[in-house]
Amino acid sequence: MELKKLHHVAIIASNYQLSKAFYTEVLSLEIIKETYRESRDSYKLDLGLNGEYIIELFSFPNPPERVSRPEAAGLRHLAFEVGDIEKSIKELETKGVSCEPIRIDEITGKRFTFFADPDDLPLEFYEV
């Protein structure tokens, strides 16, 4: 087996337009392609970061809720690397998104914080 890199993460939004605005306007991810699949009554939005395909954002009619806090079983969170955590937090706050207090990774000594997308999916800024 030859794994080369993580290709993408798939997210199902309860409110597609709200999540689309969050990921493209708040986090400034690039729209690569948007597809409406009539047979599924579903959108698929391919999003990129710095030219790299990273997220598939889906809509489905009435998706079931899922426990999403970082300590729940399953996918813990999605982390974005940032160069200046305070600047990144301020940018989110100007767009109405609040962050948890900055923490220090006890293993690496690096700073990080959590915030949430419109469906309360835990997202992280990790300063490098």
Foldseek 3Di string as FASTA:
>chain_A
DDDDDDQEEEEEDADQVQLVCCCCVLVVWAFPDWDQDVVQRKIWTFTHDPPGTYYTYMYGHPDDADDADQVDPDDRAAEDEDADVVVSQVSNVVVVWHWDDWDADPVPRWIKIWTAGPSRHIYMYTHD
